[in-house]
Amino acid sequence: VATNFSRKDEFNPDRFMEGCPEKDSCRFSYIPFGGGSRCCVGKEFAKI
C-alpha cells in the first residue's frame, strides 16, 4: 500500500540508488527487517 513507490509492481533496483527520491521516503513504508528498536538483530548478517 506504500504510495511513495512509483510503479510498485515492477522490479526496479534503481529506486534505491542515491539521488532517487523514493530512496529517502521509505522509513515507514519499507520494513523487511521490521522497524524501531526491535528490528531484526541479524539484518546486517543477512545483508552481507
All heavy atoms as atom14 arrays in JSON, in Angstrom:
{
  "sequence": "VATNFSRKDEFNPDRFMEGCPEKDSCRFSYIPFGGGSRCCVGKEFAKI",
  "atom14_mask": [
    [1, 1, 1, 1, 1, 1, 1, 0, 0, 0, 0, 0, 0, 0],
    [1, 1, 1, 1, 1, 0, 0, 0, 0, 0, 0, 0, 0, 0],
    [1, 1, 1, 1, 1, 1, 1, 0, 0, 0, 0, 0, 0, 0],
    [1, 1, 1, 1, 1, 1, 1, 1, 0, 0, 0, 0, 0, 0],
    [1, 1, 1, 1, 1, 1, 1, 1, 1, 1, 1, 0, 0, 0],
    [1, 1, 1, 1, 1, 1, 0, 0, 0, 0, 0, 0, 0, 0],
    [1, 1, 1, 1, 1, 1, 1, 1, 1, 1, 1, 0, 0, 0],
    [1, 1, 1, 1, 1, 1, 1, 1, 1, 0, 0, 0, 0, 0],
    [1, 1, 1, 1, 1, 1, 1, 1, 0, 0, 0, 0, 0, 0],
    [1, 1, 1, 1, 1, 1, 1, 1, 1, 0, 0, 0, 0, 0],
    [1, 1, 1, 1, 1, 1, 1, 1, 1, 1, 1, 0, 0, 0],
    [1, 1, 1, 1, 1, 1, 1, 1, 0, 0, 0, 0, 0, 0],
    [1, 1, 1, 1, 1, 1, 1, 0, 0, 0, 0, 0, 0, 0],
    [1, 1, 1, 1, 1, 1, 1, 1, 0, 0, 0, 0, 0, 0],
    [1, 1, 1, 1, 1, 1, 1, 1, 1, 1, 1, 0, 0, 0],
    [1, 1, 1, 1, 1, 1, 1, 1, 1, 1, 1, 0, 0, 0],
    [1, 1, 1, 1, 1, 1, 1, 1, 0, 0, 0, 0, 0, 0],
    [1, 1, 1, 1, 1, 1, 1, 1, 1, 0, 0, 0, 0, 0],
    [1, 1, 1, 1, 0, 0, 0, 0, 0, 0, 0, 0, 0, 0],
    [1, 1, 1, 1, 1, 1, 0, 0, 0, 0, 0, 0, 0, 0],
    [1, 1, 1, 1, 1, 1, 1, 0, 0, 0, 0, 0, 0, 0],
    [1, 1, 1, 1, 1, 1, 1, 1, 1, 0, 0, 0, 0, 0],
    [1, 1, 1, 1, 1, 1, 1, 1, 1, 0, 0, 0, 0, 0],
    [1, 1, 1, 1, 1, 1, 1, 1, 0, 0, 0, 0, 0, 0],
    [1, 1, 1, 1, 1, 1, 0, 0, 0, 0, 0, 0, 0, 0],
    [1, 1, 1, 1, 1, 1, 0, 0, 0, 0, 0, 0, 0, 0],
    [1, 1, 1, 1, 1, 1, 1, 1, 1, 1, 1, 0, 0, 0],
    [1, 1, 1, 1, 1, 1, 1, 1, 1, 1, 1, 0, 0, 0],
    [1, 1, 1, 1, 1, 1, 0, 0, 0, 0, 0, 0, 0, 0],
    [1, 1, 1, 1, 1, 1, 1, 1, 1, 1, 1, 1, 0, 0],
    [1, 1, 1, 1, 1, 1, 1, 1, 0, 0, 0, 0, 0, 0],
    [1, 1, 1, 1, 1, 1, 1, 0, 0, 0, 0, 0, 0, 0],
    [1, 1, 1, 1, 1, 1, 1, 1, 1, 1, 1, 0, 0, 0],
    [1, 1, 1, 1, 0, 0, 0, 0, 0, 0, 0, 0, 0, 0],
    [1, 1, 1, 1, 0, 0, 0, 0, 0, 0, 0, 0, 0, 0],
    [1, 1, 1, 1, 0, 0, 0, 0, 0, 0, 0, 0, 0, 0],
    [1, 1, 1, 1, 1, 1, 0, 0, 0, 0, 0, 0, 0, 0],
    [1, 1, 1, 1, 1, 1, 1, 1, 1, 1, 1, 0, 0, 0],
    [1, 1, 1, 1, 1, 1, 0, 0, 0, 0, 0, 0, 0, 0],
    [1, 1, 1, 1, 1, 1, 0, 0, 0, 0, 0, 0, 0, 0],
    [1, 1, 1, 1, 1, 1, 1, 0, 0, 0, 0, 0, 0, 0],
    [1, 1, 1, 1, 0, 0, 0, 0, 0, 0, 0, 0, 0, 0],
    [1, 1, 1, 1, 1, 1, 1, 1, 1, 0, 0, 0, 0, 0],
    [1, 1, 1, 1, 1, 1, 1, 1, 1, 0, 0, 0, 0, 0],
    [1, 1, 1, 1, 1, 1, 1, 1, 1, 1, 1, 0, 0, 0],
    [1, 1, 1, 1, 1, 0, 0, 0, 0, 0, 0, 0, 0, 0],
    [1, 1, 1, 1, 1, 1, 1, 1, 1, 0, 0, 0, 0, 0],
    [1, 1, 1, 1, 1, 1, 1, 1, 0, 0, 0, 0, 0, 0]
  ],
  "atom14_positions": [
    [[0.82, -1.23, 0.0], [0.0, 0.0, 0.0], [0.85, 1.27, 0.0], [0.29, 2.38, -0.05], [-0.97, 0.02, 1.21], [-1.87, -1.2, 1.2], [-0.21, 0.14, 2.54], [0.0, 0.0, 0.0], [0.0, 0.0, 0.0], [0.0, 0.0, 0.0], [0.0, 0.0, 0.0], [0.0, 0.0, 0.0], [0.0, 0.0, 0.0], [0.0, 0.0, 0.0]],
    [[2.16, 1.14, 0.07], [3.02, 2.33, 0.11], [2.79, 3.19, -1.13], [2.78, 2.7, -2.26], [4.49, 1.9, 0.18], [0.0, 0.0, 0.0], [0.0, 0.0, 0.0], [0.0, 0.0, 0.0], [0.0, 0.0, 0.0], [0.0, 0.0, 0.0], [0.0, 0.0, 0.0], [0.0, 0.0, 0.0], [0.0, 0.0, 0.0], [0.0, 0.0, 0.0]],
    [[2.59, 4.48, -0.92], [2.32, 5.4, -2.03], [3.58, 6.07, -2.57], [3.52, 6.73, -3.61], [1.32, 6.49, -1.58], [1.88, 7.19, -0.45], [-0.01, 5.87, -1.18], [0.0, 0.0, 0.0], [0.0, 0.0, 0.0], [0.0, 0.0, 0.0], [0.0, 0.0, 0.0], [0.0, 0.0, 0.0], [0.0, 0.0, 0.0], [0.0, 0.0, 0.0]],
    [[4.7, 5.91, -1.87], [5.92, 6.6, -2.31], [6.68, 5.85, -3.38], [7.62, 6.4, -3.97], [6.85, 6.86, -1.11], [7.19, 5.58, -0.37], [6.29, 4.86, 0.07], [8.47, 5.29, -0.24], [0.0, 0.0, 0.0], [0.0, 0.0, 0.0], [0.0, 0.0, 0.0], [0.0, 0.0, 0.0], [0.0, 0.0, 0.0], [0.0, 0.0, 0.0]],
    [[6.31, 4.59, -3.65], [6.99, 3.82, -4.69], [6.21, 3.92, -6.0], [5.05, 3.54, -6.08], [7.12, 2.34, -4.29], [7.98, 2.11, -3.08], [7.48, 1.44, -1.98], [9.29, 2.56, -3.06], [8.28, 1.21, -0.87], [10.09, 2.35, -1.95], [9.59, 1.68, -0.85], [0.0, 0.0, 0.0], [0.0, 0.0, 0.0], [0.0, 0.0, 0.0]],
    [[6.87, 4.43, -7.04], [6.23, 4.51, -8.36], [6.29, 3.14, -9.04], [7.26, 2.4, -8.87], [6.94, 5.56, -9.22], [8.3, 5.19, -9.43], [0.0, 0.0, 0.0], [0.0, 0.0, 0.0], [0.0, 0.0, 0.0], [0.0, 0.0, 0.0], [0.0, 0.0, 0.0], [0.0, 0.0, 0.0], [0.0, 0.0, 0.0], [0.0, 0.0, 0.0]],
    [[5.25, 2.79, -9.78], [5.16, 1.5, -10.49], [5.64, 0.39, -9.55], [6.58, -0.34, -9.85], [5.99, 1.53, -11.77], [5.53, 2.59, -12.76], [6.27, 2.52, -14.08], [7.71, 2.62, -13.92], [8.38, 3.75, -13.79], [7.73, 4.91, -13.8], [9.69, 3.75, -13.67], [0.0, 0.0, 0.0], [0.0, 0.0, 0.0], [0.0, 0.0, 0.0]],
    [[4.96, 0.31, -8.4], [5.47, -0.52, -7.31], [5.44, -2.02, -7.6], [6.06, -2.79, -6.88], [4.72, -0.22, -6.01], [3.23, -0.35, -6.07], [2.63, 0.19, -4.79], [1.12, 0.24, -4.85], [0.56, 0.94, -3.68], [0.0, 0.0, 0.0], [0.0, 0.0, 0.0], [0.0, 0.0, 0.0], [0.0, 0.0, 0.0], [0.0, 0.0, 0.0]],
    [[4.74, -2.45, -8.65], [4.74, -3.87, -9.0], [5.94, -4.25, -9.86], [6.17, -5.43, -10.11], [3.44, -4.23, -9.75], [2.22, -4.14, -8.84], [2.39, -4.33, -7.62], [1.11, -3.89, -9.36], [0.0, 0.0, 0.0], [0.0, 0.0, 0.0], [0.0, 0.0, 0.0], [0.0, 0.0, 0.0], [0.0, 0.0, 0.0], [0.0, 0.0, 0.0]],
    [[6.7, -3.27, -10.32], [7.85, -3.53, -11.17], [9.1, -3.76, -10.33], [9.27, -3.17, -9.27], [8.1, -2.35, -12.12], [7.01, -2.15, -13.15], [7.34, -1.0, -14.09], [8.5, -0.5, -14.06], [6.45, -0.57, -14.84], [0.0, 0.0, 0.0], [0.0, 0.0, 0.0], [0.0, 0.0, 0.0], [0.0, 0.0, 0.0], [0.0, 0.0, 0.0]],
    [[9.99, -4.62, -10.85], [11.29, -4.86, -10.21], [12.26, -3.79, -10.71], [12.72, -3.85, -11.85], [11.79, -6.26, -10.54], [13.08, -6.63, -9.84], [13.08, -6.97, -8.5], [14.28, -6.65, -10.54], [14.26, -7.32, -7.85], [15.46, -6.99, -9.9], [15.45, -7.32, -8.55], [0.0, 0.0, 0.0], [0.0, 0.0, 0.0], [0.0, 0.0, 0.0]],
    [[12.54, -2.82, -9.87], [13.35, -1.68, -10.28], [14.34, -1.29, -9.18], [14.05, -0.44, -8.34], [12.46, -0.49, -10.62], [13.26, 0.75, -10.98], [14.42, 0.66, -11.39], [12.66, 1.92, -10.81], [0.0, 0.0, 0.0], [0.0, 0.0, 0.0], [0.0, 0.0, 0.0], [0.0, 0.0, 0.0], [0.0, 0.0, 0.0], [0.0, 0.0, 0.0]],
    [[15.53, -1.92, -9.15], [16.52, -1.61, -8.1], [16.96, -0.16, -8.08], [17.39, 0.34, -7.03], [17.7, -2.53, -8.46], [17.09, -3.64, -9.26], [15.98, -3.0, -10.04], [0.0, 0.0, 0.0], [0.0, 0.0, 0.0], [0.0, 0.0, 0.0], [0.0, 0.0, 0.0], [0.0, 0.0, 0.0], [0.0, 0.0, 0.0], [0.0, 0.0, 0.0]],
    [[16.82, 0.57, -9.2], [17.26, 1.96, -9.25], [16.51, 2.84, -8.27], [17.01, 3.91, -7.89], [17.08, 2.52, -10.67], [18.13, 2.0, -11.63], [19.32, 1.98, -11.24], [17.78, 1.56, -12.74], [0.0, 0.0, 0.0], [0.0, 0.0, 0.0], [0.0, 0.0, 0.0], [0.0, 0.0, 0.0], [0.0, 0.0, 0.0], [0.0, 0.0, 0.0]],
    [[15.33, 2.41, -7.82], [14.57, 3.23, -6.88], [15.3, 3.38, -5.54], [14.98, 4.28, -4.77], [13.17, 2.65, -6.68], [13.1, 1.39, -5.89], [11.65, 0.95, -5.62], [11.06, 0.23, -6.74], [10.03, 0.69, -7.46], [9.51, 1.86, -7.17], [9.54, -0.03, -8.45], [0.0, 0.0, 0.0], [0.0, 0.0, 0.0], [0.0, 0.0, 0.0]],
    [[16.28, 2.5, -5.28], [17.02, 2.58, -4.02], [18.42, 3.18, -4.2], [19.21, 3.2, -3.26], [17.14, 1.2, -3.38], [15.85, 0.69, -2.8], [15.12, -0.28, -3.46], [15.36, 1.21, -1.61], [13.91, -0.75, -2.93], [14.16, 0.76, -1.08], [13.43, -0.22, -1.75], [0.0, 0.0, 0.0], [0.0, 0.0, 0.0], [0.0, 0.0, 0.0]],
    [[18.72, 3.68, -5.4], [20.02, 4.28, -5.64], [20.04, 5.73, -5.18], [19.0, 6.39, -5.09], [20.38, 4.19, -7.12], [20.64, 2.75, -7.59], [22.07, 1.99, -6.8], [23.42, 2.84, -7.64], [0.0, 0.0, 0.0], [0.0, 0.0, 0.0], [0.0, 0.0, 0.0], [0.0, 0.0, 0.0], [0.0, 0.0, 0.0], [0.0, 0.0, 0.0]],
    [[21.24, 6.22, -4.89], [21.42, 7.6, -4.42], [20.85, 8.57, -5.45], [21.06, 8.42, -6.65], [22.92, 7.88, -4.22], [23.23, 8.99, -3.24], [22.78, 8.68, -1.83], [23.06, 7.57, -1.35], [22.15, 9.56, -1.21], [0.0, 0.0, 0.0], [0.0, 0.0, 0.0], [0.0, 0.0, 0.0], [0.0, 0.0, 0.0], [0.0, 0.0, 0.0]],
    [[20.12, 9.56, -4.96], [19.54, 10.56, -5.85], [18.1, 10.29, -6.21], [17.41, 11.2, -6.69], [0.0, 0.0, 0.0], [0.0, 0.0, 0.0], [0.0, 0.0, 0.0], [0.0, 0.0, 0.0], [0.0, 0.0, 0.0], [0.0, 0.0, 0.0], [0.0, 0.0, 0.0], [0.0, 0.0, 0.0], [0.0, 0.0, 0.0], [0.0, 0.0, 0.0]],
    [[17.64, 9.07, -6.01], [16.25, 8.77, -6.3], [15.38, 9.19, -5.11], [15.66, 8.78, -3.97], [16.07, 7.27, -6.57], [14.36, 6.82, -6.94], [0.0, 0.0, 0.0], [0.0, 0.0, 0.0], [0.0, 0.0, 0.0], [0.0, 0.0, 0.0], [0.0, 0.0, 0.0], [0.0, 0.0, 0.0], [0.0, 0.0, 0.0], [0.0, 0.0, 0.0]],
    [[14.34, 10.0, -5.32], [13.53, 10.48, -4.19], [12.85, 9.35, -3.42], [12.57, 9.5, -2.24], [12.49, 11.4, -4.86], [12.51, 11.03, -6.31], [13.9, 10.57, -6.61], [0.0, 0.0, 0.0], [0.0, 0.0, 0.0], [0.0, 0.0, 0.0], [0.0, 0.0, 0.0], [0.0, 0.0, 0.0], [0.0, 0.0, 0.0], [0.0, 0.0, 0.0]],
    [[12.6, 8.23, -4.08], [11.95, 7.1, -3.39], [12.84, 6.54, -2.29], [12.35, 6.03, -1.27], [11.6, 6.0, -4.39], [10.56, 6.42, -5.42], [10.21, 5.31, -6.38], [10.27, 4.13, -5.97], [9.88, 5.6, -7.54], [0.0, 0.0, 0.0], [0.0, 0.0, 0.0], [0.0, 0.0, 0.0], [0.0, 0.0, 0.0], [0.0, 0.0, 0.0]],
    [[14.15, 6.62, -2.48], [15.1, 6.06, -1.52], [14.98, 6.74, -0.16], [15.11, 6.09, 0.88], [16.53, 6.22, -2.04], [17.61, 5.8, -1.05], [18.99, 6.03, -1.63], [20.08, 5.65, -0.64], [20.1, 6.53, 0.54], [0.0, 0.0, 0.0], [0.0, 0.0, 0.0], [0.0, 0.0, 0.0], [0.0, 0.0, 0.0], [0.0, 0.0, 0.0]],
    [[14.72, 8.05, -0.17], [14.73, 8.82, 1.07], [13.34, 8.95, 1.7], [13.19, 9.68, 2.68], [15.3, 10.22, 0.8], [16.73, 10.15, 0.27], [17.5, 9.32, 0.78], [17.05, 10.9, -0.67], [0.0, 0.0, 0.0], [0.0, 0.0, 0.0], [0.0, 0.0, 0.0], [0.0, 0.0, 0.0], [0.0, 0.0, 0.0], [0.0, 0.0, 0.0]],
    [[12.34, 8.27, 1.16], [10.98, 8.45, 1.68], [10.34, 7.13, 2.11], [9.14, 6.99, 2.07], [10.1, 9.09, 0.59], [10.05, 8.26, -0.56], [0.0, 0.0, 0.0], [0.0, 0.0, 0.0], [0.0, 0.0, 0.0], [0.0, 0.0, 0.0], [0.0, 0.0, 0.0], [0.0, 0.0, 0.0], [0.0, 0.0, 0.0], [0.0, 0.0, 0.0]],
    [[11.19, 6.18, 2.52], [10.64, 4.86, 2.79], [10.83, 4.39, 4.23], [10.79, 3.2, 4.52], [11.24, 3.82, 1.84], [13.04, 3.71, 1.88], [0.0, 0.0, 0.0], [0.0, 0.0, 0.0], [0.0, 0.0, 0.0], [0.0, 0.0, 0.0], [0.0, 0.0, 0.0], [0.0, 0.0, 0.0], [0.0, 0.0, 0.0], [0.0, 0.0, 0.0]],
    [[11.0, 5.34, 5.15], [11.23, 4.96, 6.55], [10.09, 4.11, 7.11], [10.31, 3.12, 7.8], [11.42, 6.2, 7.4], [11.68, 5.87, 8.87], [11.81, 7.12, 9.72], [11.96, 6.78, 11.13], [11.89, 7.66, 12.12], [11.7, 8.93, 11.85], [12.03, 7.28, 13.37], [0.0, 0.0, 0.0], [0.0, 0.0, 0.0], [0.0, 0.0, 0.0]],
    [[8.85, 4.49, 6.8], [7.71, 3.78, 7.36], [7.0, 2.9, 6.32], [5.99, 2.29, 6.63], [6.71, 4.78, 7.96], [7.29, 5.58, 9.1], [7.56, 6.93, 8.94], [7.58, 4.97, 10.31], [8.11, 7.67, 9.99], [8.13, 5.7, 11.36], [8.39, 7.05, 11.2], [0.0, 0.0, 0.0], [0.0, 0.0, 0.0], [0.0, 0.0, 0.0]],
    [[7.52, 2.89, 5.1], [6.86, 2.1, 4.05], [7.72, 0.95, 3.54], [7.28, 0.18, 2.69], [6.48, 3.01, 2.87], [7.64, 3.68, 2.38], [0.0, 0.0, 0.0], [0.0, 0.0, 0.0], [0.0, 0.0, 0.0], [0.0, 0.0, 0.0], [0.0, 0.0, 0.0], [0.0, 0.0, 0.0], [0.0, 0.0, 0.0], [0.0, 0.0, 0.0]],
    [[8.93, 0.83, 4.08], [9.83, -0.26, 3.68], [10.41, -0.87, 4.95], [11.28, -0.3, 5.59], [10.94, 0.29, 2.78], [11.97, -0.75, 2.37], [11.66, -1.71, 1.41], [13.23, -0.78, 2.94], [12.58, -2.67, 1.03], [14.17, -1.74, 2.57], [13.84, -2.68, 1.61], [14.75, -3.63, 1.24], [0.0, 0.0, 0.0], [0.0, 0.0, 0.0]],
    [[9.89, -2.06, 5.33], [10.25, -2.62, 6.64], [10.53, -4.13, 6.55], [9.96, -4.92, 7.32], [9.14, -2.36, 7.68], [7.77, -2.84, 7.15], [9.09, -0.9, 8.06], [6.69, -2.85, 8.21], [0.0, 0.0, 0.0], [0.0, 0.0, 0.0], [0.0, 0.0, 0.0], [0.0, 0.0, 0.0], [0.0, 0.0, 0.0], [0.0, 0.0, 0.0]],
    [[11.38, -4.59, 5.63], [11.61, -6.04, 5.52], [12.21, -6.66, 6.77], [12.05, -7.86, 7.02], [12.56, -6.16, 4.33], [13.25, -4.84, 4.27], [12.21, -3.85, 4.68], [0.0, 0.0, 0.0], [0.0, 0.0, 0.0], [0.0, 0.0, 0.0], [0.0, 0.0, 0.0], [0.0, 0.0, 0.0], [0.0, 0.0, 0.0], [0.0, 0.0, 0.0]],
    [[12.91, -5.84, 7.58], [13.51, -6.33, 8.82], [12.76, -5.82, 10.06], [13.28, -5.86, 11.17], [14.97, -5.9, 8.91], [15.84, -6.48, 7.83], [16.24, -5.69, 6.75], [16.25, -7.79, 7.88], [17.04, -6.21, 5.74], [17.06, -8.33, 6.87], [17.44, -7.54, 5.8], [0.0, 0.0, 0.0], [0.0, 0.0, 0.0], [0.0, 0.0, 0.0]],
    [[11.53, -5.36, 9.86], [10.81, -4.73, 10.96], [11.29, -3.3, 11.12], [11.86, -2.71, 10.19], [0.0, 0.0, 0.0], [0.0, 0.0, 0.0], [0.0, 0.0, 0.0], [0.0, 0.0, 0.0], [0.0, 0.0, 0.0], [0.0, 0.0, 0.0], [0.0, 0.0, 0.0], [0.0, 0.0, 0.0], [0.0, 0.0, 0.0], [0.0, 0.0, 0.0]],
    [[11.06, -2.72, 12.3], [11.49, -1.35, 12.49], [11.66, -1.0, 13.95], [11.29, -1.77, 14.84], [0.0, 0.0, 0.0], [0.0, 0.0, 0.0], [0.0, 0.0, 0.0], [0.0, 0.0, 0.0], [0.0, 0.0, 0.0], [0.0, 0.0, 0.0], [0.0, 0.0, 0.0], [0.0, 0.0, 0.0], [0.0, 0.0, 0.0], [0.0, 0.0, 0.0]],
    [[12.24, 0.16, 14.2], [12.43, 0.62, 15.56], [13.48, -0.16, 16.3], [14.34, -0.83, 15.71], [0.0, 0.0, 0.0], [0.0, 0.0, 0.0], [0.0, 0.0, 0.0], [0.0, 0.0, 0.0], [0.0, 0.0, 0.0], [0.0, 0.0, 0.0], [0.0, 0.0, 0.0], [0.0, 0.0, 0.0], [0.0, 0.0, 0.0], [0.0, 0.0, 0.0]],
    [[13.41, -0.11, 17.64], [14.44, -0.76, 18.47], [14.34, -2.28, 18.42], [15.26, -2.98, 18.84], [14.31, -0.28, 19.92], [13.03, -0.62, 20.44], [0.0, 0.0, 0.0], [0.0, 0.0, 0.0], [0.0, 0.0, 0.0], [0.0, 0.0, 0.0], [0.0, 0.0, 0.0], [0.0, 0.0, 0.0], [0.0, 0.0, 0.0], [0.0, 0.0, 0.0]],
    [[13.21, -2.82, 17.93], [13.02, -4.27, 17.89], [13.17, -4.84, 16.48], [12.65, -5.9, 16.18], [11.64, -4.62, 18.44], [11.48, -4.39, 19.93], [12.32, -5.35, 20.75], [12.03, -6.74, 20.41], [11.01, -7.43, 20.87], [10.15, -6.87, 21.69], [10.83, -8.69, 20.52], [0.0, 0.0, 0.0], [0.0, 0.0, 0.0], [0.0, 0.0, 0.0]],
    [[13.89, -4.12, 15.6], [14.09, -4.65, 14.25], [15.04, -5.84, 14.33], [15.71, -6.07, 15.33], [14.63, -3.58, 13.31], [16.31, -3.06, 13.66], [0.0, 0.0, 0.0], [0.0, 0.0, 0.0], [0.0, 0.0, 0.0], [0.0, 0.0, 0.0], [0.0, 0.0, 0.0], [0.0, 0.0, 0.0], [0.0, 0.0, 0.0], [0.0, 0.0, 0.0]],
    [[15.08, -6.62, 13.27], [15.86, -7.86, 13.24], [17.33, -7.63, 13.61], [18.02, -6.84, 12.96], [15.77, -8.48, 11.85], [16.79, -9.94, 11.62], [0.0, 0.0, 0.0], [0.0, 0.0, 0.0], [0.0, 0.0, 0.0], [0.0, 0.0, 0.0], [0.0, 0.0, 0.0], [0.0, 0.0, 0.0], [0.0, 0.0, 0.0], [0.0, 0.0, 0.0]],
    [[17.81, -8.33, 14.63], [19.2, -8.12, 15.09], [20.2, -8.67, 14.07], [21.36, -8.25, 14.05], [19.44, -8.78, 16.46], [18.6, -8.12, 17.52], [19.19, -10.28, 16.41], [0.0, 0.0, 0.0], [0.0, 0.0, 0.0], [0.0, 0.0, 0.0], [0.0, 0.0, 0.0], [0.0, 0.0, 0.0], [0.0, 0.0, 0.0], [0.0, 0.0, 0.0]],
    [[19.76, -9.59, 13.23], [20.67, -10.2, 12.27], [20.61, -9.59, 10.88], [21.1, -10.2, 9.92], [0.0, 0.0, 0.0], [0.0, 0.0, 0.0], [0.0, 0.0, 0.0], [0.0, 0.0, 0.0], [0.0, 0.0, 0.0], [0.0, 0.0, 0.0], [0.0, 0.0, 0.0], [0.0, 0.0, 0.0], [0.0, 0.0, 0.0], [0.0, 0.0, 0.0]],
    [[20.04, -8.39, 10.77], [19.85, -7.84, 9.43], [21.17, -7.57, 8.71], [21.27, -7.77, 7.49], [18.99, -6.57, 9.48], [19.6, -5.37, 10.16], [18.65, -4.17, 10.09], [19.26, -2.93, 10.71], [18.33, -1.77, 10.62], [0.0, 0.0, 0.0], [0.0, 0.0, 0.0], [0.0, 0.0, 0.0], [0.0, 0.0, 0.0], [0.0, 0.0, 0.0]],
    [[22.22, -7.12, 9.42], [23.5, -6.88, 8.76], [24.14, -8.19, 8.33], [24.77, -8.27, 7.26], [24.43, -6.09, 9.68], [23.94, -4.7, 10.04], [23.64, -3.85, 8.8], [24.39, -3.96, 7.81], [22.66, -3.09, 8.83], [0.0, 0.0, 0.0], [0.0, 0.0, 0.0], [0.0, 0.0, 0.0], [0.0, 0.0, 0.0], [0.0, 0.0, 0.0]],
    [[23.98, -9.23, 9.15], [24.44, -10.57, 8.77], [23.76, -11.0, 7.48], [24.4, -11.49, 6.53], [24.12, -11.55, 9.89], [24.4, -13.0, 9.58], [25.66, -13.55, 9.81], [23.4, -13.82, 9.07], [25.91, -14.88, 9.52], [23.65, -15.16, 8.79], [24.9, -15.69, 9.02], [0.0, 0.0, 0.0], [0.0, 0.0, 0.0], [0.0, 0.0, 0.0]],
    [[22.43, -10.82, 7.41], [21.67, -11.22, 6.23], [22.09, -10.43, 4.99], [22.27, -11.0, 3.91], [20.18, -11.04, 6.49], [0.0, 0.0, 0.0], [0.0, 0.0, 0.0], [0.0, 0.0, 0.0], [0.0, 0.0, 0.0], [0.0, 0.0, 0.0], [0.0, 0.0, 0.0], [0.0, 0.0, 0.0], [0.0, 0.0, 0.0], [0.0, 0.0, 0.0]],
    [[22.28, -9.12, 5.14], [22.67, -8.29, 4.0], [24.02, -8.72, 3.44], [24.21, -8.81, 2.21], [22.73, -6.82, 4.43], [21.37, -6.18, 4.7], [21.56, -4.75, 5.2], [20.26, -4.08, 5.59], [20.49, -2.72, 6.13], [0.0, 0.0, 0.0], [0.0, 0.0, 0.0], [0.0, 0.0, 0.0], [0.0, 0.0, 0.0], [0.0, 0.0, 0.0]],
    [[24.98, -8.98, 4.33], [26.31, -9.4, 3.88], [26.24, -10.76, 3.19], [26.81, -10.97, 2.11], [27.29, -9.43, 5.06], [27.64, -8.0, 5.47], [28.55, -10.21, 4.73], [28.48, -7.91, 6.73], [0.0, 0.0, 0.0], [0.0, 0.0, 0.0], [0.0, 0.0, 0.0], [0.0, 0.0, 0.0], [0.0, 0.0, 0.0], [0.0, 0.0, 0.0]]
  ]
}
